[in-house]
């Protein structure tokens, strides 16, 4: 079995420099190889430009909003300028707010805490757990997985038509699936939501790193995403959008920074005057470096020409899909079909292989990092695999032994920093593992499939 080695068109765009591109890792079969990071959907490597910007700022680091000293004032300016940079990157409307959080999960939990009483929430079962699970205090309607973009819109419209027309409602939808990479019809879903008096929040964790996101153009009410998926380390996220629900809600965290004035009452209690800006939900000392890294990444993607990055990534997507199609044992997972537009996130299973065993062999024998499991989207992966919702299998914890069918999948993901060689090595590795088998024995240890260091190679 062979896989063609058609080259990516170099005229489209060169990969952006990222950290870790020269890191060598040991192979269980002997020697070393440059690590192929193909797990961008979990955490993308930091852009070199982002790291350089942060390193240049680090000596000037100071606490924001509260200090009279030069470094504190400089850090405050940098923090607030980062807010404006992110707003511009997202195409925010004039009255939108940008709130800095820890992650997409944190952003959506913040919004869940701010929705009005009696709000009805509509969520497709295909969502990542970050957007599937935060709505515990609301009346939630979970919508079945659609099989076409048009069916997604129709499903939402039917559900909204049956809701209480007088109460508040919110739709939560992903922009690009973290399992299949498929793009969702966000603009059409937003139009359907608004036609029925509902609002909509876009989980852009997988969309923003791969495709321009414009709040005004998509006509969504909020956008949430994470810095660590946008080539920016240090654990920061963003919730951007309409301010009214956020300002009407109690602060997400109570503490310094969220309050403008605190005074004791005569009865011994405390009166608090909360901020009416984004600071209302940013209590505590903020992650200045994390926020600045997000802004730096936004600038880097914009300056590189996002359209060029998208074009190159689409060539990579085509190359991976064509290569996997040449291996009959490989089944690529999809909701909307082969022709659906998608970003650089592709999940698959291999007939006759435990997915965790296959992913472990890619790492140990080829130096390729992918992801195996249910990708924190358990209902979606189980739907795509045709398994019963009660079947075993969970994120990153294989239940089957090597060689047995597993209820997990393998995910390869890539982006602006991925070299052509990593893609070609991955496709060659898939072909060789399927046709020749693994060269090493593997066992399950602490919920992970790992090489059995006590056995010799089977070559």
Protein backbone atom coordinates (compact mmCIF):
# COMPACT_ATOMS: atom_id res chain seq x y z
CA UNK A 1 0.00 0.00 0.00
CA UNK A 2 1.34 3.43 -0.89
CA UNK A 3 0.30 7.00 -0.33
CA UNK A 4 0.96 9.65 -2.95
CA UNK A 5 3.26 12.52 -1.96
CA UNK A 6 1.77 15.44 -3.85
CA UNK A 7 3.34 18.63 -2.55
CA UNK A 8 1.45 21.56 -1.10
CA UNK A 9 1.59 24.58 -3.39
CA UNK A 10 4.32 26.79 -1.85
CA UNK A 11 2.97 29.88 -3.60
CA UNK A 12 -0.14 29.92 -1.40
CA UNK A 13 1.50 30.79 1.93
CA UNK A 14 4.41 29.64 4.05
CA UNK A 15 3.74 28.22 7.52
CA UNK A 16 4.13 30.74 10.32
CA UNK A 17 7.06 30.22 12.73
CA UNK A 18 5.94 28.54 15.94
CA UNK A 19 7.67 27.38 19.11
CA UNK A 20 8.71 23.74 19.22
CA UNK A 21 9.28 23.31 15.50
CA UNK A 22 12.86 22.14 16.14
CA UNK A 23 12.17 19.90 19.13
CA UNK A 24 13.47 16.34 18.75
CA UNK A 25 11.76 13.43 20.49
CA UNK A 26 12.98 9.85 21.02
CA UNK A 27 11.48 6.95 19.09
CA UNK A 28 10.85 3.65 20.82
CA UNK A 29 12.46 1.92 17.84
CA UNK A 30 15.67 3.93 18.31
CA UNK A 31 16.95 7.37 17.38
CA UNK A 32 15.19 10.69 17.36
CA UNK A 33 12.98 12.68 15.02
CA UNK A 34 11.65 16.23 14.91
CA UNK A 35 8.31 16.28 16.68
CA UNK A 36 5.27 16.61 14.43
CA UNK A 37 2.67 18.54 16.43
CA UNK A 38 -0.67 17.56 14.90
CA UNK A 39 -2.90 18.23 17.91
CA UNK A 40 -3.68 21.91 17.23
CA UNK A 41 -7.34 21.42 18.16
CA UNK A 42 -6.31 20.78 21.77
CA UNK A 43 -3.63 23.47 22.06
CA UNK A 44 -1.89 25.11 19.14
CA UNK A 45 1.83 25.84 19.47
CA UNK A 46 2.59 29.44 20.32
CA UNK A 47 3.53 31.67 17.43
CA UNK A 48 7.16 32.79 17.61
CA UNK A 49 6.00 36.37 17.19
CA UNK A 50 3.70 36.05 20.21
CA UNK A 51 6.52 34.67 22.33
CA UNK A 52 8.85 37.44 21.20
CA UNK A 53 6.27 40.12 22.00
CA UNK A 54 5.68 38.68 25.46
CA UNK A 55 9.42 38.38 26.12
CA UNK A 56 9.91 42.02 25.13
CA UNK A 57 7.14 43.10 27.53
CA UNK A 58 8.11 40.84 30.44
CA UNK A 59 10.65 43.23 32.05
CA UNK A 60 7.93 45.89 32.18
CA UNK A 61 5.32 43.63 33.76
CA UNK A 62 3.21 45.24 36.45
CA UNK A 63 -0.19 45.02 38.11
CA UNK A 64 -2.92 46.73 36.12
CA UNK A 65 -5.54 49.36 37.05
CA UNK A 66 -4.33 49.91 40.60
CA UNK A 67 -0.82 51.31 40.50
CA UNK A 68 0.58 54.82 40.15
CA UNK A 69 4.01 53.59 39.07
CA UNK A 70 5.26 53.68 35.51
CA UNK A 71 5.22 49.89 34.98
CA UNK A 72 1.70 49.61 36.34
CA UNK A 73 0.49 52.38 34.05
CA UNK A 74 2.29 50.85 31.07
CA UNK A 75 0.75 47.43 31.83
CA UNK A 76 -2.69 48.98 32.19
CA UNK A 77 -2.37 50.65 28.79
CA UNK A 78 -1.19 47.40 27.26
CA UNK A 79 -4.09 45.50 28.85
CA UNK A 80 -6.75 47.92 27.60
CA UNK A 81 -5.12 48.26 24.17
CA UNK A 82 -5.27 44.46 23.96
CA UNK A 83 -9.01 44.70 24.56
CA UNK A 84 -9.33 47.06 21.59
CA UNK A 85 -7.17 44.80 19.42
CA UNK A 86 -9.37 41.80 20.16
CA UNK A 87 -12.52 43.84 19.47
CA UNK A 88 -11.13 44.84 16.09
CA UNK A 89 -10.07 41.26 15.31
CA UNK A 90 -13.63 40.06 16.01
CA UNK A 91 -15.39 42.89 14.20
CA UNK A 92 -17.20 43.94 17.36
CA UNK A 93 -20.01 46.47 17.22
CA UNK A 94 -19.55 49.85 18.87
CA UNK A 95 -21.47 48.92 22.01
CA UNK A 96 -20.07 45.39 22.41
CA UNK A 97 -17.89 44.47 25.37
CA UNK A 98 -14.77 42.31 25.40
CA UNK A 99 -14.41 40.43 28.68
CA UNK A 100 -11.20 38.54 29.38
CA UNK A 101 -11.62 35.11 30.95
CA UNK A 102 -9.52 31.99 31.44
CA UNK A 103 -10.80 29.99 28.44
CA UNK A 104 -13.78 29.24 26.20
CA UNK A 105 -15.19 27.10 29.01
CA UNK A 106 -14.86 29.99 31.45
CA UNK A 107 -16.42 32.40 28.95
CA UNK A 108 -19.50 30.24 28.41
CA UNK A 109 -19.89 29.59 32.13
CA UNK A 110 -19.74 33.35 32.67
CA UNK A 111 -22.51 33.86 30.12
CA UNK A 112 -24.51 31.01 31.66
CA UNK A 113 -24.31 32.81 35.00
CA UNK A 114 -25.55 36.04 33.38
CA UNK A 115 -28.59 34.82 31.44
CA UNK A 116 -31.92 36.20 32.70
CA UNK A 117 -34.17 34.16 34.94
CA UNK A 118 -36.41 31.80 33.00
CA UNK A 119 -34.16 31.82 29.96
CA UNK A 120 -34.59 28.88 27.59
CA UNK A 121 -31.34 27.56 26.11
CA UNK A 122 -31.07 25.55 22.89
CA UNK A 123 -27.93 23.49 22.29
CA UNK A 124 -27.14 20.85 19.67
CA UNK A 125 -25.85 17.56 21.08
CA UNK A 126 -22.88 18.00 18.76
CA UNK A 127 -21.33 20.69 20.95
CA UNK A 128 -18.06 20.46 22.85
CA UNK A 129 -18.71 19.98 26.56
CA UNK A 130 -17.63 23.61 27.12
CA UNK A 131 -20.80 24.74 25.38
CA UNK A 132 -22.96 21.69 26.10
CA UNK A 133 -22.78 21.68 29.89
CA UNK A 134 -22.72 25.21 31.46
CA UNK A 135 -26.48 25.80 31.30
CA UNK A 136 -27.40 23.87 34.43
CA UNK A 137 -29.61 26.57 35.93
CA UNK A 138 -31.58 27.13 32.72
CA UNK A 139 -34.34 25.31 30.91
CA UNK A 140 -32.25 23.47 28.30
CA UNK A 141 -33.41 21.84 25.08
CA UNK A 142 -30.82 19.54 23.54
CA UNK A 143 -31.19 19.22 19.78
CA UNK A 144 -30.34 16.08 17.83
CA UNK A 145 -27.31 16.03 15.57
CA UNK A 146 -28.22 17.34 12.10
CA UNK A 147 -26.88 15.65 9.00
CA UNK A 148 -26.76 18.74 6.78
CA UNK A 149 -26.32 22.47 7.44
CA UNK A 150 -29.86 23.05 6.17
CA UNK A 151 -31.17 20.45 8.61
CA UNK A 152 -29.38 22.27 11.44
CA UNK A 153 -31.27 25.45 10.62
CA UNK A 154 -34.58 23.61 10.22
CA UNK A 155 -34.09 21.77 13.53
CA UNK A 156 -33.42 25.03 15.35
CA UNK A 157 -36.36 26.80 13.74
CA UNK A 158 -38.76 24.02 14.78
CA UNK A 159 -37.48 24.05 18.35
CA UNK A 160 -37.71 27.83 18.63
CA UNK A 161 -41.22 27.86 17.18
CA UNK A 162 -42.36 25.63 20.05
CA UNK A 163 -40.82 27.72 22.83
CA UNK A 164 -42.48 30.23 25.13
CA UNK A 165 -42.50 33.29 22.84
CA UNK A 166 -42.45 35.79 25.70
CA UNK A 167 -39.42 34.71 27.72
CA UNK A 168 -35.72 35.15 26.97
CA UNK A 169 -33.98 32.49 24.90
CA UNK A 170 -30.42 31.71 23.93
CA UNK A 171 -28.96 29.46 21.23
CA UNK A 172 -25.44 28.11 21.66
CA UNK A 173 -23.68 26.77 18.58
CA UNK A 174 -20.17 25.91 17.49
CA UNK A 175 -18.52 27.61 14.53
CA UNK A 176 -16.32 24.65 13.57
CA UNK A 177 -16.60 21.20 15.10
CA UNK A 178 -13.71 20.14 17.30
CA UNK A 179 -14.33 16.57 16.08
CA UNK A 180 -14.97 16.80 12.35
CA UNK A 181 -13.70 20.32 11.61
CA UNK A 182 -16.89 21.00 9.68
CA UNK A 183 -18.10 24.60 9.47
CA UNK A 184 -21.57 25.26 10.80
CA UNK A 185 -24.05 27.66 9.14
CA UNK A 186 -23.60 30.29 11.83
CA UNK A 187 -25.08 33.24 9.96
CA UNK A 188 -28.20 31.26 9.02
CA UNK A 189 -28.59 29.96 12.57
CA UNK A 190 -28.24 33.51 13.91
CA UNK A 191 -30.96 34.70 11.54
CA UNK A 192 -33.24 31.87 12.68
CA UNK A 193 -32.59 32.68 16.34
CA UNK A 194 -33.29 36.36 15.91
CA UNK A 195 -36.42 35.71 13.85
CA UNK A 196 -37.82 33.88 16.87
CA UNK A 197 -36.72 36.44 19.42
CA UNK A 198 -33.73 34.47 20.69
CA UNK A 199 -30.09 35.42 21.07
CA UNK A 200 -27.11 33.35 19.96
CA UNK A 201 -23.62 32.73 21.30
CA UNK A 202 -20.91 31.35 19.03
CA UNK A 203 -18.34 28.92 20.40
CA UNK A 204 -15.44 29.97 18.17
CA UNK A 205 -12.73 27.95 19.92
CA UNK A 206 -12.04 25.97 16.74
CA UNK A 207 -13.17 28.62 14.27
CA UNK A 208 -11.16 31.68 15.31
CA UNK A 209 -7.71 30.08 14.83
CA UNK A 210 -8.58 28.88 11.33
CA UNK A 211 -11.01 31.38 9.84
CA UNK A 212 -11.88 35.08 10.26
CA UNK A 213 -14.71 35.71 12.73
CA UNK A 214 -16.77 38.88 12.38
CA UNK A 215 -19.44 39.38 15.03
CA UNK A 216 -21.27 42.08 13.09
CA UNK A 217 -21.19 40.19 9.78
CA UNK A 218 -22.34 36.91 11.33
CA UNK A 219 -24.87 38.85 13.44
CA UNK A 220 -24.22 36.78 16.56
CA UNK A 221 -24.74 38.21 20.00
CA UNK A 222 -21.62 36.79 21.64
CA UNK A 223 -18.42 35.02 20.67
CA UNK A 224 -16.25 32.90 22.98
CA UNK A 225 -12.78 31.53 22.26
CA UNK A 226 -9.52 30.52 23.95
CA UNK A 227 -6.05 31.96 23.55
CA UNK A 228 -4.29 28.60 23.71
CA UNK A 229 -6.02 27.49 20.52
CA UNK A 230 -5.19 30.81 18.83
CA UNK A 231 -1.39 30.31 19.06
CA UNK A 232 -1.28 32.28 22.33
CA UNK A 233 -0.19 30.58 25.59
CA UNK A 234 -0.79 31.57 29.24
CA UNK A 235 -4.41 30.54 29.77
CA UNK A 236 -6.66 33.41 28.74
CA UNK A 237 -9.95 33.50 26.90
CA UNK A 238 -12.49 35.96 25.55
CA UNK A 239 -16.21 36.55 25.77
CA UNK A 240 -17.18 39.36 23.42
CA UNK A 241 -20.60 40.72 22.56
CA UNK A 242 -23.66 42.47 23.86
CA UNK A 243 -23.35 44.15 27.24
CA UNK A 244 -26.92 44.30 28.57
CA UNK A 245 -27.22 40.79 30.03
CA UNK A 246 -23.69 41.04 31.41
CA UNK A 247 -24.34 44.37 33.10
CA UNK A 248 -27.65 43.24 34.54
CA UNK A 249 -26.10 40.15 36.13
CA UNK A 250 -24.24 39.89 39.37
CA UNK A 251 -20.47 39.77 38.86
CA UNK A 252 -19.20 36.35 37.79
CA UNK A 253 -16.62 36.60 40.59
CA UNK A 254 -16.99 38.94 43.54
CA UNK A 255 -13.84 40.77 44.52
CA UNK A 256 -11.41 43.57 43.82
CA UNK A 257 -11.50 44.99 40.34
CA UNK A 258 -15.19 44.20 39.86
CA UNK A 259 -16.24 46.73 42.47
CA UNK A 260 -16.12 50.53 42.19
CA UNK A 261 -17.04 51.31 45.81
CA UNK A 262 -17.54 49.21 48.94
CA UNK A 263 -18.90 50.70 52.19
CA UNK A 264 -20.05 49.38 55.54
CA UNK A 265 -23.67 49.98 56.47
CA UNK A 266 -24.91 51.06 59.86
CA UNK A 267 -26.47 47.63 60.34
CA UNK A 268 -23.06 46.02 59.90
CA UNK A 269 -23.56 44.87 56.32
CA UNK A 270 -21.71 45.92 53.16
CA UNK A 271 -22.93 47.98 50.22
CA UNK A 272 -21.20 47.38 46.89
CA UNK A 273 -21.26 49.49 43.76
CA UNK A 274 -20.19 47.21 40.89
CA UNK A 275 -18.50 48.34 37.70
CA UNK A 276 -20.64 48.84 34.60
CA UNK A 277 -17.83 47.95 32.20
CA UNK A 278 -16.15 44.64 31.32
CA UNK A 279 -14.31 44.94 34.65
CA UNK A 280 -17.56 43.86 36.33
CA UNK A 281 -16.70 40.26 35.38
CA UNK A 282 -12.91 40.49 35.66
CA UNK A 283 -12.43 40.43 39.44
CA UNK A 284 -8.98 39.75 40.80
CA UNK A 285 -5.59 40.48 39.29
CA UNK A 286 -5.98 39.70 35.58
CA UNK A 287 -3.65 37.58 33.47
CA UNK A 288 -1.95 40.51 31.75
CA UNK A 289 0.56 38.37 29.87
CA UNK A 290 -2.17 36.00 28.71
CA UNK A 291 -4.32 38.87 27.50
CA UNK A 292 -1.39 40.48 25.69
CA UNK A 293 -0.52 37.16 24.06
CA UNK A 294 -4.06 36.91 22.63
CA UNK A 295 -3.80 40.44 21.21
CA UNK A 296 -0.38 39.64 19.76
CA UNK A 297 -1.76 36.52 18.08
CA UNK A 298 -4.67 38.49 16.64
CA UNK A 299 -2.23 40.98 15.13
CA UNK A 300 0.06 38.23 13.84
CA UNK A 301 -2.75 36.41 12.03
CA UNK A 302 -4.07 39.65 10.58
CA UNK A 303 -0.63 40.84 9.44
CA UNK A 304 0.14 37.46 7.84
CA UNK A 305 -3.00 37.75 5.74
CA UNK A 306 -5.72 35.55 7.19
CA UNK A 307 -7.07 34.74 3.73
CA UNK A 308 -3.67 33.39 2.72
CA UNK A 309 -3.50 31.26 5.87
CA UNK A 310 -6.97 29.90 5.16
CA UNK A 311 -5.99 29.05 1.58
CA UNK A 312 -2.90 27.12 2.67
CA UNK A 313 -4.80 25.29 5.39
CA UNK A 314 -7.41 24.22 2.86
CA UNK A 315 -4.65 22.67 0.77
CA UNK A 316 -3.50 20.77 3.84
CA UNK A 317 -7.06 19.62 4.53
CA UNK A 318 -7.40 18.36 0.97
CA UNK A 319 -4.04 16.60 1.17
CA UNK A 320 -4.91 14.82 4.42
CA UNK A 321 -8.35 13.77 3.22
CA UNK A 322 -6.99 12.50 -0.09
CA UNK A 323 -4.23 10.57 1.68
CA UNK A 324 -6.58 8.97 4.19
CA UNK A 325 -8.99 8.04 1.37
CA UNK A 326 -6.21 5.91 -0.15
CA UNK A 327 -6.23 3.66 2.91
CA UNK A 328 -9.44 1.56 2.73
CA UNK A 329 -9.31 0.67 6.42
CA UNK A 330 -9.65 4.33 7.44
CA UNK A 331 -13.10 5.82 8.06
CA UNK A 332 -13.18 9.62 8.35
CA UNK A 333 -15.96 10.88 10.62
CA UNK A 334 -18.37 13.46 9.25
CA UNK A 335 -21.79 14.90 9.97
CA UNK A 336 -22.35 16.85 6.78
CA UNK A 337 -20.55 14.67 4.21
CA UNK A 338 -17.36 14.80 2.17
CA UNK A 339 -18.19 18.09 0.44
CA UNK A 340 -18.76 20.06 3.63
CA UNK A 341 -16.34 22.95 4.18
CA UNK A 342 -14.05 22.35 7.15
CA UNK A 343 -11.00 23.59 9.01
CA UNK A 344 -7.87 21.60 9.80
CA UNK A 345 -9.51 19.16 12.21
CA UNK A 346 -10.14 15.59 11.02
CA UNK A 347 -11.17 12.57 13.09
CA UNK A 348 -11.12 8.97 11.95
CA UNK A 349 -11.09 5.35 13.02
CA UNK A 350 -9.08 2.48 11.56
CA UNK A 351 -10.73 -0.88 11.01
CA UNK A 352 -9.12 -3.55 13.18
CA UNK A 353 -7.35 -1.05 15.43
CA UNK A 354 -7.96 0.31 18.88
CA UNK A 355 -7.79 4.08 18.38
CA UNK A 356 -5.61 4.64 21.43
CA UNK A 357 -3.19 1.94 20.27
CA UNK A 358 -2.95 3.58 16.85
CA UNK A 359 -2.34 7.04 18.33
CA UNK A 360 0.31 5.62 20.68
CA UNK A 361 2.13 3.99 17.76
CA UNK A 362 2.08 7.24 15.78
CA UNK A 363 3.79 8.93 18.71
CA UNK A 364 6.23 6.24 19.81
CA UNK A 365 7.31 5.05 16.35
CA UNK A 366 6.98 8.19 14.22
CA UNK A 367 7.19 11.16 16.60
CA UNK A 368 3.70 12.35 15.64
CA UNK A 369 1.39 13.86 18.25
CA UNK A 370 -2.34 13.39 17.61
CA UNK A 371 -5.31 13.01 19.95
CA UNK A 372 -7.41 9.92 20.72
CA UNK A 373 -10.62 9.68 22.70
CA UNK A 374 -14.02 11.34 22.53
CA UNK A 375 -12.55 14.86 22.43
CA UNK A 376 -14.83 16.25 25.17
CA UNK A 377 -17.72 15.83 22.74
CA UNK A 378 -19.00 12.43 23.89
CA UNK A 379 -22.53 12.55 22.42
CA UNK A 380 -21.22 13.65 19.00
CA UNK A 381 -18.47 11.03 18.71
CA UNK A 382 -20.81 8.27 19.83
CA UNK A 383 -23.34 9.41 17.23
CA UNK A 384 -20.67 9.41 14.52
CA UNK A 385 -19.44 5.95 15.55
CA UNK A 386 -22.97 4.59 15.64
CA UNK A 387 -22.57 3.43 19.24
CA UNK A 388 -25.12 3.37 22.02
CA UNK A 389 -24.93 6.39 24.36
CA UNK A 390 -24.35 3.96 27.26
CA UNK A 391 -21.40 2.20 25.60
CA UNK A 392 -18.05 2.50 27.41
CA UNK A 393 -15.33 4.87 26.32
CA UNK A 394 -14.33 8.29 27.54
CA UNK A 395 -11.94 11.11 26.76
CA UNK A 396 -8.38 9.84 26.69
CA UNK A 397 -9.09 6.62 28.59
CA UNK A 398 -9.15 3.55 26.35
CA UNK A 399 -11.23 0.67 27.62
CA UNK A 400 -10.18 -1.80 24.92
CA UNK A 401 -6.84 -3.51 24.66
CA UNK A 402 -4.51 -2.93 21.67
CA UNK A 403 -5.94 -4.65 18.63
CA UNK A 404 -9.54 -4.52 19.85
CA UNK A 405 -12.12 -2.16 18.42
CA UNK A 406 -12.50 0.89 20.63
CA UNK A 407 -15.33 3.36 20.99
CA UNK A 408 -12.88 6.24 20.66
CA UNK A 409 -11.52 7.96 17.56
CA UNK A 410 -8.24 9.49 16.40
CA UNK A 411 -8.02 13.21 15.66
CA UNK A 412 -5.36 14.92 13.55
CA UNK A 413 -5.40 18.72 13.60
CA UNK A 414 -3.13 21.36 12.13
CA UNK A 415 -2.99 25.02 11.24
CA UNK A 416 -0.90 28.06 10.44
CA UNK A 417 2.35 26.61 11.74
CA UNK A 418 2.17 23.12 10.25
CA UNK A 419 5.02 22.21 7.86
CA UNK A 420 4.29 20.10 4.78
CA UNK A 421 6.64 17.41 6.09
CA UNK A 422 4.48 16.79 9.15
CA UNK A 423 1.48 16.08 6.94
CA UNK A 424 3.43 13.76 4.67
CA UNK A 425 4.98 11.90 7.61
CA UNK A 426 1.55 11.43 9.14
CA UNK A 427 0.07 10.00 5.95
CA UNK A 428 3.04 7.69 5.45
CA UNK A 429 2.77 6.52 9.07
CA UNK A 430 -0.95 5.75 8.73
CA UNK A 431 -0.29 3.73 5.58
CA UNK A 432 2.60 1.80 7.11
CA UNK A 433 0.82 1.02 10.38
CA UNK A 434 -2.23 -0.28 8.54
CA UNK A 435 -0.27 -2.36 6.03
CA UNK A 436 2.62 -3.54 8.21
CA UNK A 437 1.40 -3.22 11.78
CA UNK A 438 3.11 -1.64 14.77
CA UNK A 439 6.76 -2.42 15.37
CA UNK A 440 6.37 -2.48 19.16
CA UNK A 441 4.12 -3.97 21.78
CA UNK A 442 1.82 -1.67 23.77
CA UNK A 443 -0.08 -1.88 27.02
CA UNK A 444 -2.55 0.23 28.97
CA UNK A 445 -1.11 2.14 31.92
CA UNK A 446 -3.00 4.70 34.02
CA UNK A 447 -5.66 4.98 31.34
CA UNK A 448 -3.21 5.53 28.48
CA UNK A 449 -1.89 3.19 25.80
CA UNK A 450 1.91 3.25 26.05
CA UNK A 451 4.87 1.27 24.64
CA UNK A 452 5.76 -1.76 26.70
CA UNK A 453 9.36 -0.89 27.55
CA UNK A 454 10.03 -4.45 28.61
CA UNK A 455 9.50 -5.93 25.15
CA UNK A 456 11.70 -5.96 22.08
CA UNK A 457 10.63 -4.52 18.77
CA UNK A 458 8.73 -6.96 16.57
CA UNK A 459 10.88 -6.37 13.49
